[in-house]
PDB file of all heavy atoms in Angstrom:
ATOM      1  N   PRO A   1       0.822  -1.209   0.000  1.00  0.00           N
ATOM      2  CA  PRO A   1       0.000   0.000   0.000  1.00  0.00           C
ATOM      3  C   PRO A   1       0.859   1.263   0.000  1.00  0.00           C
ATOM      4  O   PRO A   1       1.699   1.465   0.878  1.00  0.00           O
ATOM      5  CB  PRO A   1      -0.807  -0.121   1.299  1.00  0.00           C
ATOM      6  CG  PRO A   1       0.079  -0.931   2.200  1.00  0.00           C
ATOM      7  CD  PRO A   1       0.825  -1.880   1.315  1.00  0.00           C
ATOM      8  N   VAL A   2       0.644   2.127  -0.989  1.00  0.00           N
ATOM      9  CA  VAL A   2       1.391   3.375  -1.112  1.00  0.00           C
ATOM     10  C   VAL A   2       0.400   4.532  -1.067  1.00  0.00           C
ATOM     11  O   VAL A   2      -0.542   4.587  -1.868  1.00  0.00           O
ATOM     12  CB  VAL A   2       2.201   3.410  -2.426  1.00  0.00           C
ATOM     13  CG1 VAL A   2       2.884   4.765  -2.596  1.00  0.00           C
ATOM     14  CG2 VAL A   2       3.220   2.284  -2.447  1.00  0.00           C
ATOM     15  N   TYR A   3       0.613   5.455  -0.134  1.00  0.00           N
ATOM     16  CA  TYR A   3      -0.305   6.582   0.016  1.00  0.00           C
ATOM     17  C   TYR A   3      -0.282   7.500  -1.211  1.00  0.00           C
ATOM     18  O   TYR A   3       0.789   7.812  -1.758  1.00  0.00           O
ATOM     19  CB  TYR A   3       0.063   7.417   1.227  1.00  0.00           C
ATOM     20  CG  TYR A   3      -0.444   6.875   2.552  1.00  0.00           C
ATOM     21  CD1 TYR A   3       0.418   6.751   3.640  1.00  0.00           C
ATOM     22  CD2 TYR A   3      -1.770   6.518   2.725  1.00  0.00           C
ATOM     23  CE1 TYR A   3      -0.028   6.286   4.862  1.00  0.00           C
ATOM     24  CE2 TYR A   3      -2.232   6.037   3.929  1.00  0.00           C
ATOM     25  CZ  TYR A   3      -1.360   5.922   5.005  1.00  0.00           C
ATOM     26  OH  TYR A   3      -1.805   5.450   6.201  1.00  0.00           O
ATOM     27  N   GLY A   4      -1.490   7.963  -1.612  1.00  0.00           N
ATOM     28  CA  GLY A   4      -1.616   8.961  -2.670  1.00  0.00           C
ATOM     29  C   GLY A   4      -0.973   8.520  -3.960  1.00  0.00           C
ATOM     30  O   GLY A   4      -1.199   7.416  -4.451  1.00  0.00           O
ATOM     31  N   ASP A   5      -0.134   9.421  -4.529  1.00  0.00           N
ATOM     32  CA  ASP A   5       0.563   9.084  -5.771  1.00  0.00           C
ATOM     33  C   ASP A   5       1.983   8.592  -5.522  1.00  0.00           C
ATOM     34  O   ASP A   5       2.742   8.361  -6.476  1.00  0.00           O
ATOM     35  CB  ASP A   5       0.582  10.292  -6.718  1.00  0.00           C
ATOM     36  CG  ASP A   5       1.332  11.492  -6.126  1.00  0.00           C
ATOM     37  OD1 ASP A   5       1.849  11.384  -4.989  1.00  0.00           O
ATOM     38  OD2 ASP A   5       1.389  12.536  -6.790  1.00  0.00           O
ATOM     39  N   GLY A   6       2.357   8.452  -4.230  1.00  0.00           N
ATOM     40  CA  GLY A   6       3.699   7.981  -3.903  1.00  0.00           C
ATOM     41  C   GLY A   6       4.773   9.030  -4.049  1.00  0.00           C
ATOM     42  O   GLY A   6       5.965   8.728  -3.926  1.00  0.00           O
ATOM     43  N   GLY A   7       4.366  10.281  -4.304  1.00  0.00           N
ATOM     44  CA  GLY A   7       5.339  11.336  -4.567  1.00  0.00           C
ATOM     45  C   GLY A   7       5.840  12.069  -3.339  1.00  0.00           C
ATOM     46  O   GLY A   7       6.620  13.023  -3.477  1.00  0.00           O
ATOM     47  N   ASN A   8       5.428  11.660  -2.149  1.00  0.00           N
ATOM     48  CA  ASN A   8       5.911  12.304  -0.930  1.00  0.00           C
ATOM     49  C   ASN A   8       7.409  12.043  -0.774  1.00  0.00           C
ATOM     50  O   ASN A   8       7.857  10.898  -0.885  1.00  0.00           O
ATOM     51  CB  ASN A   8       5.156  11.789   0.287  1.00  0.00           C
ATOM     52  CG  ASN A   8       3.670  12.026   0.172  1.00  0.00           C
ATOM     53  OD1 ASN A   8       2.979  11.283  -0.525  1.00  0.00           O
ATOM     54  ND2 ASN A   8       3.172  13.062   0.820  1.00  0.00           N
ATOM     55  N   VAL A   9       8.162  13.097  -0.503  1.00  0.00           N
ATOM     56  CA  VAL A   9       9.623  13.019  -0.472  1.00  0.00           C
ATOM     57  C   VAL A   9      10.123  13.035   0.965  1.00  0.00           C
ATOM     58  O   VAL A   9       9.701  13.871   1.776  1.00  0.00           O
ATOM     59  CB  VAL A   9      10.244  14.193  -1.255  1.00  0.00           C
ATOM     60  CG1 VAL A   9      11.773  14.175  -1.130  1.00  0.00           C
ATOM     61  CG2 VAL A   9       9.831  14.129  -2.723  1.00  0.00           C
ATOM     62  N   ARG A  10      11.031  12.120   1.277  1.00  0.00           N
ATOM     63  CA  ARG A  10      11.653  12.064   2.600  1.00  0.00           C
ATOM     64  C   ARG A  10      13.176  11.980   2.435  1.00  0.00           C
ATOM     65  O   ARG A  10      13.681  11.437   1.463  1.00  0.00           O
ATOM     66  CB  ARG A  10      11.157  10.837   3.397  1.00  0.00           C
ATOM     67  CG  ARG A  10       9.643  10.829   3.635  1.00  0.00           C
ATOM     68  CD  ARG A  10       9.219  11.966   4.536  1.00  0.00           C
ATOM     69  NE  ARG A  10       7.796  11.975   4.808  1.00  0.00           N
ATOM     70  CZ  ARG A  10       6.913  12.761   4.188  1.00  0.00           C
ATOM     71  NH1 ARG A  10       7.323  13.563   3.205  1.00  0.00           N
ATOM     72  NH2 ARG A  10       5.639  12.730   4.536  1.00  0.00           N
ATOM     73  N   ASP A  11      13.884  12.518   3.420  1.00  0.00           N
ATOM     74  CA  ASP A  11      15.343  12.412   3.484  1.00  0.00           C
ATOM     75  C   ASP A  11      15.654  11.210   4.371  1.00  0.00           C
ATOM     76  O   ASP A  11      15.474  11.257   5.587  1.00  0.00           O
ATOM     77  CB  ASP A  11      15.913  13.704   4.082  1.00  0.00           C
ATOM     78  CG  ASP A  11      17.425  13.679   4.228  1.00  0.00           C
ATOM     79  OD1 ASP A  11      18.043  12.677   3.833  1.00  0.00           O
ATOM     80  OD2 ASP A  11      17.978  14.660   4.749  1.00  0.00           O
ATOM     81  N   TRP A  12      16.129  10.115   3.763  1.00  0.00           N
ATOM     82  CA  TRP A  12      16.293   8.852   4.479  1.00  0.00           C
ATOM     83  C   TRP A  12      17.682   8.739   5.078  1.00  0.00           C
ATOM     84  O   TRP A  12      18.681   9.004   4.413  1.00  0.00           O
ATOM     85  CB  TRP A  12      16.037   7.672   3.530  1.00  0.00           C
ATOM     86  CG  TRP A  12      14.609   7.597   3.104  1.00  0.00           C
ATOM     87  CD1 TRP A  12      14.053   8.100   1.966  1.00  0.00           C
ATOM     88  CD2 TRP A  12      13.535   6.999   3.843  1.00  0.00           C
ATOM     89  NE1 TRP A  12      12.700   7.851   1.950  1.00  0.00           N
ATOM     90  CE2 TRP A  12      12.352   7.173   3.088  1.00  0.00           C
ATOM     91  CE3 TRP A  12      13.459   6.333   5.061  1.00  0.00           C
ATOM     92  CZ2 TRP A  12      11.116   6.711   3.513  1.00  0.00           C
ATOM     93  CZ3 TRP A  12      12.226   5.865   5.489  1.00  0.00           C
ATOM     94  CH2 TRP A  12      11.071   6.053   4.712  1.00  0.00           C
ATOM     95  N   ILE A  13      17.758   8.323   6.349  1.00  0.00           N
ATOM     96  CA  ILE A  13      19.023   8.162   7.049  1.00  0.00           C
ATOM     97  C   ILE A  13      19.047   6.811   7.751  1.00  0.00           C
ATOM     98  O   ILE A  13      18.054   6.396   8.359  1.00  0.00           O
ATOM     99  CB  ILE A  13      19.246   9.309   8.062  1.00  0.00           C
ATOM    100  CG1 ILE A  13      20.636   9.201   8.728  1.00  0.00           C
ATOM    101  CG2 ILE A  13      18.150   9.344   9.120  1.00  0.00           C
ATOM    102  CD1 ILE A  13      21.004  10.424   9.555  1.00  0.00           C
ATOM    103  N   HIS A  14      20.181   6.112   7.640  1.00  0.00           N
ATOM    104  CA  HIS A  14      20.303   4.839   8.331  1.00  0.00           C
ATOM    105  C   HIS A  14      20.379   5.091   9.830  1.00  0.00           C
ATOM    106  O   HIS A  14      20.999   6.051  10.294  1.00  0.00           O
ATOM    107  CB  HIS A  14      21.542   4.088   7.856  1.00  0.00           C
ATOM    108  CG  HIS A  14      21.600   2.681   8.336  1.00  0.00           C
ATOM    109  ND1 HIS A  14      22.186   2.331   9.542  1.00  0.00           N
ATOM    110  CD2 HIS A  14      21.130   1.520   7.804  1.00  0.00           C
ATOM    111  CE1 HIS A  14      22.080   1.031   9.708  1.00  0.00           C
ATOM    112  NE2 HIS A  14      21.451   0.506   8.679  1.00  0.00           N
ATOM    113  N   VAL A  15      19.765   4.218  10.606  1.00  0.00           N
ATOM    114  CA  VAL A  15      19.650   4.427  12.048  1.00  0.00           C
ATOM    115  C   VAL A  15      21.017   4.520  12.717  1.00  0.00           C
ATOM    116  O   VAL A  15      21.179   5.243  13.714  1.00  0.00           O
ATOM    117  CB  VAL A  15      18.781   3.315  12.680  1.00  0.00           C
ATOM    118  CG1 VAL A  15      19.448   1.950  12.551  1.00  0.00           C
ATOM    119  CG2 VAL A  15      18.455   3.625  14.125  1.00  0.00           C
ATOM    120  N   GLU A  16      22.028   3.822  12.203  1.00  0.00           N
ATOM    121  CA  GLU A  16      23.356   3.917  12.817  1.00  0.00           C
ATOM    122  C   GLU A  16      23.927   5.319  12.661  1.00  0.00           C
ATOM    123  O   GLU A  16      24.537   5.862  13.595  1.00  0.00           O
ATOM    124  CB  GLU A  16      24.315   2.894  12.207  1.00  0.00           C
ATOM    125  CG  GLU A  16      25.699   2.925  12.846  1.00  0.00           C
ATOM    126  CD  GLU A  16      26.655   1.912  12.264  1.00  0.00           C
ATOM    127  OE1 GLU A  16      26.204   0.957  11.599  1.00  0.00           O
ATOM    128  OE2 GLU A  16      27.875   2.086  12.464  1.00  0.00           O
ATOM    129  N   ASP A  17      23.730   5.934  11.497  1.00  0.00           N
ATOM    130  CA  ASP A  17      24.179   7.314  11.312  1.00  0.00           C
ATOM    131  C   ASP A  17      23.457   8.249  12.280  1.00  0.00           C
ATOM    132  O   ASP A  17      24.062   9.163  12.853  1.00  0.00           O
ATOM    133  CB  ASP A  17      23.924   7.756   9.868  1.00  0.00           C
ATOM    134  CG  ASP A  17      24.977   7.236   8.900  1.00  0.00           C
ATOM    135  OD1 ASP A  17      26.134   7.022   9.333  1.00  0.00           O
ATOM    136  OD2 ASP A  17      24.652   7.049   7.719  1.00  0.00           O
ATOM    137  N   HIS A  18      22.159   8.031  12.455  1.00  0.00           N
ATOM    138  CA  HIS A  18      21.404   8.852  13.398  1.00  0.00           C
ATOM    139  C   HIS A  18      21.943   8.669  14.814  1.00  0.00           C
ATOM    140  O   HIS A  18      22.152   9.638  15.547  1.00  0.00           O
ATOM    141  CB  HIS A  18      19.918   8.489  13.346  1.00  0.00           C
ATOM    142  CG  HIS A  18      19.071   9.297  14.274  1.00  0.00           C
ATOM    143  ND1 HIS A  18      17.798   8.912  14.642  1.00  0.00           N
ATOM    144  CD2 HIS A  18      19.308  10.459  14.950  1.00  0.00           C
ATOM    145  CE1 HIS A  18      17.299   9.804  15.467  1.00  0.00           C
ATOM    146  NE2 HIS A  18      18.190  10.751  15.673  1.00  0.00           N
ATOM    147  N   CYS A  19      22.176   7.440  15.223  1.00  0.00           N
ATOM    148  CA  CYS A  19      22.667   7.178  16.578  1.00  0.00           C
ATOM    149  C   CYS A  19      24.018   7.846  16.816  1.00  0.00           C
ATOM    150  O   CYS A  19      24.282   8.382  17.907  1.00  0.00           O
ATOM    151  CB  CYS A  19      22.769   5.675  16.825  1.00  0.00           C
ATOM    152  SG  CYS A  19      21.157   4.859  17.002  1.00  0.00           S
ATOM    153  N   ARG A  20      24.874   7.827  15.818  1.00  0.00           N
ATOM    154  CA  ARG A  20      26.171   8.486  15.967  1.00  0.00           C
ATOM    155  C   ARG A  20      26.019  10.008  16.047  1.00  0.00           C
ATOM    156  O   ARG A  20      26.807  10.692  16.721  1.00  0.00           O
ATOM    157  CB  ARG A  20      27.106   8.078  14.833  1.00  0.00           C
ATOM    158  CG  ARG A  20      27.502   6.611  14.909  1.00  0.00           C
ATOM    159  CD  ARG A  20      28.611   6.235  13.935  1.00  0.00           C
ATOM    160  NE  ARG A  20      28.924   4.813  14.045  1.00  0.00           N
ATOM    161  CZ  ARG A  20      29.679   4.277  14.988  1.00  0.00           C
ATOM    162  NH1 ARG A  20      30.232   5.059  15.917  1.00  0.00           N
ATOM    163  NH2 ARG A  20      29.907   2.970  15.024  1.00  0.00           N
ATOM    164  N   ALA A  21      25.004  10.537  15.389  1.00  0.00           N
ATOM    165  CA  ALA A  21      24.726  11.965  15.505  1.00  0.00           C
ATOM    166  C   ALA A  21      24.252  12.310  16.916  1.00  0.00           C
ATOM    167  O   ALA A  21      24.679  13.314  17.508  1.00  0.00           O
ATOM    168  CB  ALA A  21      23.678  12.381  14.475  1.00  0.00           C
ATOM    169  N   VAL A  22      23.368  11.492  17.473  1.00  0.00           N
ATOM    170  CA  VAL A  22      22.897  11.705  18.844  1.00  0.00           C
ATOM    171  C   VAL A  22      24.073  11.649  19.817  1.00  0.00           C
ATOM    172  O   VAL A  22      24.187  12.476  20.734  1.00  0.00           O
ATOM    173  CB  VAL A  22      21.828  10.651  19.219  1.00  0.00           C
ATOM    174  CG1 VAL A  22      21.513  10.697  20.709  1.00  0.00           C
ATOM    175  CG2 VAL A  22      20.557  10.865  18.395  1.00  0.00           C
ATOM    176  N   LEU A  23      24.961  10.702  19.607  1.00  0.00           N
ATOM    177  CA  LEU A  23      26.129  10.574  20.466  1.00  0.00           C
ATOM    178  C   LEU A  23      27.018  11.817  20.367  1.00  0.00           C
ATOM    179  O   LEU A  23      27.512  12.325  21.387  1.00  0.00           O
ATOM    180  CB  LEU A  23      26.914   9.328  20.060  1.00  0.00           C
ATOM    181  CG  LEU A  23      28.077   8.888  20.943  1.00  0.00           C
ATOM    182  CD1 LEU A  23      27.625   8.656  22.386  1.00  0.00           C
ATOM    183  CD2 LEU A  23      28.713   7.624  20.383  1.00  0.00           C
ATOM    184  N   ALA A  24      27.195  12.327  19.161  1.00  0.00           N
ATOM    185  CA  ALA A  24      28.009  13.533  18.974  1.00  0.00           C
ATOM    186  C   ALA A  24      27.405  14.735  19.685  1.00  0.00           C
ATOM    187  O   ALA A  24      28.114  15.525  20.326  1.00  0.00           O
ATOM    188  CB  ALA A  24      28.167  13.825  17.480  1.00  0.00           C
ATOM    189  N   VAL A  25      26.078  14.885  19.594  1.00  0.00           N
ATOM    190  CA  VAL A  25      25.409  16.008  20.267  1.00  0.00           C
ATOM    191  C   VAL A  25      25.448  15.830  21.779  1.00  0.00           C
ATOM    192  O   VAL A  25      25.661  16.793  22.528  1.00  0.00           O
ATOM    193  CB  VAL A  25      23.957  16.144  19.763  1.00  0.00           C
ATOM    194  CG1 VAL A  25      23.194  17.199  20.564  1.00  0.00           C
ATOM    195  CG2 VAL A  25      23.949  16.501  18.275  1.00  0.00           C
ATOM    196  N   ALA A  26      25.263  14.600  22.247  1.00  0.00           N
ATOM    197  CA  ALA A  26      25.310  14.335  23.691  1.00  0.00           C
ATOM    198  C   ALA A  26      26.655  14.732  24.272  1.00  0.00           C
ATOM    199  O   ALA A  26      26.733  15.301  25.373  1.00  0.00           O
ATOM    200  CB  ALA A  26      25.032  12.859  23.965  1.00  0.00           C
ATOM    201  N   GLU A  27      27.714  14.465  23.538  1.00  0.00           N
ATOM    202  CA  GLU A  27      29.059  14.686  24.057  1.00  0.00           C
ATOM    203  C   GLU A  27      29.620  16.070  23.744  1.00  0.00           C
ATOM    204  O   GLU A  27      30.507  16.552  24.453  1.00  0.00           O
ATOM    205  CB  GLU A  27      30.003  13.608  23.522  1.00  0.00           C
ATOM    206  CG  GLU A  27      29.646  12.210  24.013  1.00  0.00           C
ATOM    207  CD  GLU A  27      30.559  11.131  23.486  1.00  0.00           C
ATOM    208  OE1 GLU A  27      31.031  11.252  22.331  1.00  0.00           O
ATOM    209  OE2 GLU A  27      30.792  10.151  24.213  1.00  0.00           O
ATOM    210  N   GLY A  28      29.093  16.726  22.703  1.00  0.00           N
ATOM    211  CA  GLY A  28      29.713  17.997  22.318  1.00  0.00           C
ATOM    212  C   GLY A  28      28.784  19.129  21.955  1.00  0.00           C
ATOM    213  O   GLY A  28      29.260  20.243  21.658  1.00  0.00           O
ATOM    214  N   GLY A  29      27.478  18.893  21.962  1.00  0.00           N
ATOM    215  CA  GLY A  29      26.544  19.939  21.576  1.00  0.00           C
ATOM    216  C   GLY A  29      26.526  21.102  22.552  1.00  0.00           C
ATOM    217  O   GLY A  29      26.805  20.950  23.739  1.00  0.00           O
ATOM    218  N   LYS A  30      26.176  22.285  22.050  1.00  0.00           N
ATOM    219  CA  LYS A  30      26.126  23.478  22.886  1.00  0.00           C
ATOM    220  C   LYS A  30      24.778  23.557  23.616  1.00  0.00           C
ATOM    221  O   LYS A  30      23.731  23.330  23.010  1.00  0.00           O
ATOM    222  CB  LYS A  30      26.321  24.728  22.035  1.00  0.00           C
ATOM    223  CG  LYS A  30      27.690  24.805  21.369  1.00  0.00           C
ATOM    224  CD  LYS A  30      27.839  26.066  20.530  1.00  0.00           C
ATOM    225  CE  LYS A  30      29.214  26.121  19.868  1.00  0.00           C
ATOM    226  NZ  LYS A  30      29.371  27.339  19.026  1.00  0.00           N
ATOM    227  N   PRO A  31      24.758  23.869  24.902  1.00  0.00           N
ATOM    228  CA  PRO A  31      23.506  23.938  25.660  1.00  0.00           C
ATOM    229  C   PRO A  31      22.498  24.894  25.011  1.00  0.00           C
ATOM    230  O   PRO A  31      22.857  25.972  24.527  1.00  0.00           O
ATOM    231  CB  PRO A  31      23.950  24.462  27.032  1.00  0.00           C
ATOM    232  CG  PRO A  31      25.378  24.056  27.144  1.00  0.00           C
ATOM    233  CD  PRO A  31      25.930  24.150  25.761  1.00  0.00           C
ATOM    234  N   GLY A  32      21.228  24.433  24.978  1.00  0.00           N
ATOM    235  CA  GLY A  32      20.162  25.247  24.412  1.00  0.00           C
ATOM    236  C   GLY A  32      20.051  25.188  22.908  1.00  0.00           C
ATOM    237  O   GLY A  32      19.203  25.858  22.314  1.00  0.00           O
ATOM    238  N   ARG A  33      20.874  24.360  22.262  1.00  0.00           N
ATOM    239  CA  ARG A  33      20.920  24.283  20.809  1.00  0.00           C
ATOM    240  C   ARG A  33      20.014  23.192  20.256  1.00  0.00           C
ATOM    241  O   ARG A  33      19.793  22.162  20.886  1.00  0.00           O
ATOM    242  CB  ARG A  33      22.338  23.968  20.337  1.00  0.00           C
ATOM    243  CG  ARG A  33      23.307  25.108  20.419  1.00  0.00           C
ATOM    244  CD  ARG A  33      23.125  26.069  19.253  1.00  0.00           C
ATOM    245  NE  ARG A  33      24.404  26.490  18.718  1.00  0.00           N
ATOM    246  CZ  ARG A  33      24.527  27.359  17.732  1.00  0.00           C
ATOM    247  NH1 ARG A  33      23.450  27.859  17.169  1.00  0.00           N
ATOM    248  NH2 ARG A  33      25.712  27.719  17.291  1.00  0.00           N
ATOM    249  N   VAL A  34      19.515  23.431  19.046  1.00  0.00           N
ATOM    250  CA  VAL A  34      18.844  22.419  18.234  1.00  0.00           C
ATOM    251  C   VAL A  34      19.813  22.007  17.134  1.00  0.00           C
ATOM    252  O   VAL A  34      20.494  22.858  16.541  1.00  0.00           O
ATOM    253  CB  VAL A  34      17.545  22.967  17.624  1.00  0.00           C
ATOM    254  CG1 VAL A  34      16.922  21.946  16.658  1.00  0.00           C
ATOM    255  CG2 VAL A  34      16.549  23.348  18.706  1.00  0.00           C
ATOM    256  N   TYR A  35      19.868  20.701  16.870  1.00  0.00           N
ATOM    257  CA  TYR A  35      20.719  20.184  15.792  1.00  0.00           C
ATOM    258  C   TYR A  35      19.883  19.337  14.848  1.00  0.00           C
ATOM    259  O   TYR A  35      19.301  18.331  15.256  1.00  0.00           O
ATOM    260  CB  TYR A  35      21.863  19.337  16.368  1.00  0.00           C
ATOM    261  CG  TYR A  35      22.886  20.141  17.123  1.00  0.00           C
ATOM    262  CD1 TYR A  35      22.733  20.382  18.487  1.00  0.00           C
ATOM    263  CD2 TYR A  35      24.011  20.675  16.485  1.00  0.00           C
ATOM    264  CE1 TYR A  35      23.662  21.136  19.202  1.00  0.00           C
ATOM    265  CE2 TYR A  35      24.949  21.422  17.192  1.00  0.00           C
ATOM    266  CZ  TYR A  35      24.768  21.655  18.542  1.00  0.00           C
ATOM    267  OH  TYR A  35      25.691  22.397  19.245  1.00  0.00           O
ATOM    268  N   ASN A  36      19.818  19.752  13.577  1.00  0.00           N
ATOM    269  CA  ASN A  36      19.151  18.955  12.558  1.00  0.00           C
ATOM    270  C   ASN A  36      20.072  17.838  12.080  1.00  0.00           C
ATOM    271  O   ASN A  36      21.278  18.031  11.941  1.00  0.00           O
ATOM    272  CB  ASN A  36      18.773  19.820  11.358  1.00  0.00           C
ATOM    273  CG  ASN A  36      17.564  20.691  11.620  1.00  0.00           C
ATOM    274  OD1 ASN A  36      16.870  20.517  12.619  1.00  0.00           O
ATOM    275  ND2 ASN A  36      17.298  21.630  10.720  1.00  0.00           N
ATOM    276  N   VAL A  37      19.476  16.670  11.822  1.00  0.00           N
ATOM    277  CA  VAL A  37      20.251  15.498  11.405  1.00  0.00           C
ATOM    278  C   VAL A  37      19.605  14.892  10.156  1.00  0.00           C
ATOM    279  O   VAL A  37      18.457  14.446  10.200  1.00  0.00           O
ATOM    280  CB  VAL A  37      20.298  14.433  12.518  1.00  0.00           C
ATOM    281  CG1 VAL A  37      21.135  13.233  12.063  1.00  0.00           C
ATOM    282  CG2 VAL A  37      20.853  15.019  13.808  1.00  0.00           C
ATOM    283  N   GLY A  38      20.332  14.893   9.057  1.00  0.00           N
ATOM    284  CA  GLY A  38      19.838  14.300   7.821  1.00  0.00           C
ATOM    285  C   GLY A  38      20.980  13.739   7.009  1.00  0.00           C
ATOM    286  O   GLY A  38      22.151  14.013   7.286  1.00  0.00           O
ATOM    287  N   ALA A  39      20.649  12.968   5.990  1.00  0.00           N
ATOM    288  CA  ALA A  39      21.680  12.297   5.188  1.00  0.00           C
ATOM    289  C   ALA A  39      21.743  12.796   3.757  1.00  0.00           C
ATOM    290  O   ALA A  39      22.473  12.226   2.942  1.00  0.00           O
ATOM    291  CB  ALA A  39      21.439  10.793   5.202  1.00  0.00           C
ATOM    292  N   SER A  40      20.963  13.847   3.428  1.00  0.00           N
ATOM    293  CA  SER A  40      20.926  14.360   2.054  1.00  0.00           C
ATOM    294  C   SER A  40      20.599  13.245   1.069  1.00  0.00           C
ATOM    295  O   SER A  40      21.200  13.138   0.004  1.00  0.00           O
ATOM    296  CB  SER A  40      22.256  15.038   1.687  1.00  0.00           C
ATOM    297  OG  SER A  40      22.524  16.119   2.556  1.00  0.00           O
ATOM    298  N   SER A  41      19.646  12.408   1.446  1.00  0.00           N
ATOM    299  CA  SER A  41      19.232  11.275   0.607  1.00  0.00           C
ATOM    300  C   SER A  41      17.731  11.356   0.355  1.00  0.00           C
ATOM    301  O   SER A  41      16.958  10.504   0.794  1.00  0.00           O
ATOM    302  CB  SER A  41      19.588   9.945   1.276  1.00  0.00           C
ATOM    303  OG  SER A  41      20.979   9.793   1.417  1.00  0.00           O
ATOM    304  N   GLU A  42      17.334  12.396  -0.344  1.00  0.00           N
ATOM    305  CA  GLU A  42      15.909  12.590  -0.629  1.00  0.00           C
ATOM    306  C   GLU A  42      15.430  11.600  -1.683  1.00  0.00           C
ATOM    307  O   GLU A  42      16.064  11.441  -2.727  1.00  0.00           O
ATOM    308  CB  GLU A  42      15.653  14.004  -1.138  1.00  0.00           C
ATOM    309  CG  GLU A  42      15.831  15.105  -0.115  1.00  0.00           C
ATOM    310  CD  GLU A  42      15.529  16.463  -0.718  1.00  0.00           C
ATOM    311  OE1 GLU A  42      14.393  16.663  -1.182  1.00  0.00           O
ATOM    312  OE2 GLU A  42      16.440  17.305  -0.746  1.00  0.00           O
ATOM    313  N   ARG A  43      14.323  10.947  -1.364  1.00  0.00           N
ATOM    314  CA  ARG A  43      13.699  10.034  -2.315  1.00  0.00           C
ATOM    315  C   ARG A  43      12.187  10.118  -2.161  1.00  0.00           C
ATOM    316  O   ARG A  43      11.665  10.248  -1.050  1.00  0.00           O
ATOM    317  CB  ARG A  43      14.125   8.578  -2.070  1.00  0.00           C
ATOM    318  CG  ARG A  43      15.602   8.299  -2.219  1.00  0.00           C
ATOM    319  CD  ARG A  43      16.087   8.354  -3.648  1.00  0.00           C
ATOM    320  NE  ARG A  43      17.447   7.831  -3.759  1.00  0.00           N
ATOM    321  CZ  ARG A  43      18.547   8.509  -3.435  1.00  0.00           C
ATOM    322  NH1 ARG A  43      18.459   9.738  -2.956  1.00  0.00           N
ATOM    323  NH2 ARG A  43      19.743   7.943  -3.586  1.00  0.00           N
ATOM    324  N   GLU A  44      11.481   9.980  -3.289  1.00  0.00           N
ATOM    325  CA  GLU A  44      10.036   9.808  -3.207  1.00  0.00           C
ATOM    326  C   GLU A  44       9.740   8.442  -2.605  1.00  0.00           C
ATOM    327  O   GLU A  44      10.495   7.477  -2.806  1.00  0.00           O
ATOM    328  CB  GLU A  44       9.400   9.908  -4.591  1.00  0.00           C
ATOM    329  CG  GLU A  44       9.454  11.303  -5.199  1.00  0.00           C
ATOM    330  CD  GLU A  44       8.698  11.369  -6.521  1.00  0.00           C
ATOM    331  OE1 GLU A  44       8.241  10.299  -7.008  1.00  0.00           O
ATOM    332  OE2 GLU A  44       8.565  12.476  -7.069  1.00  0.00           O
TER     333      GLU A  44
END
């Protein structure tokens, strides 16, 4: 089952890359900051 015309676009990231990003922010992020995490892998 594919919603609509299937043209919805998402930036897909492997969970290991995401986990390493969380680890990097946990250990080095600046207090009060938001950090966006993506893989530049947009696909419909």
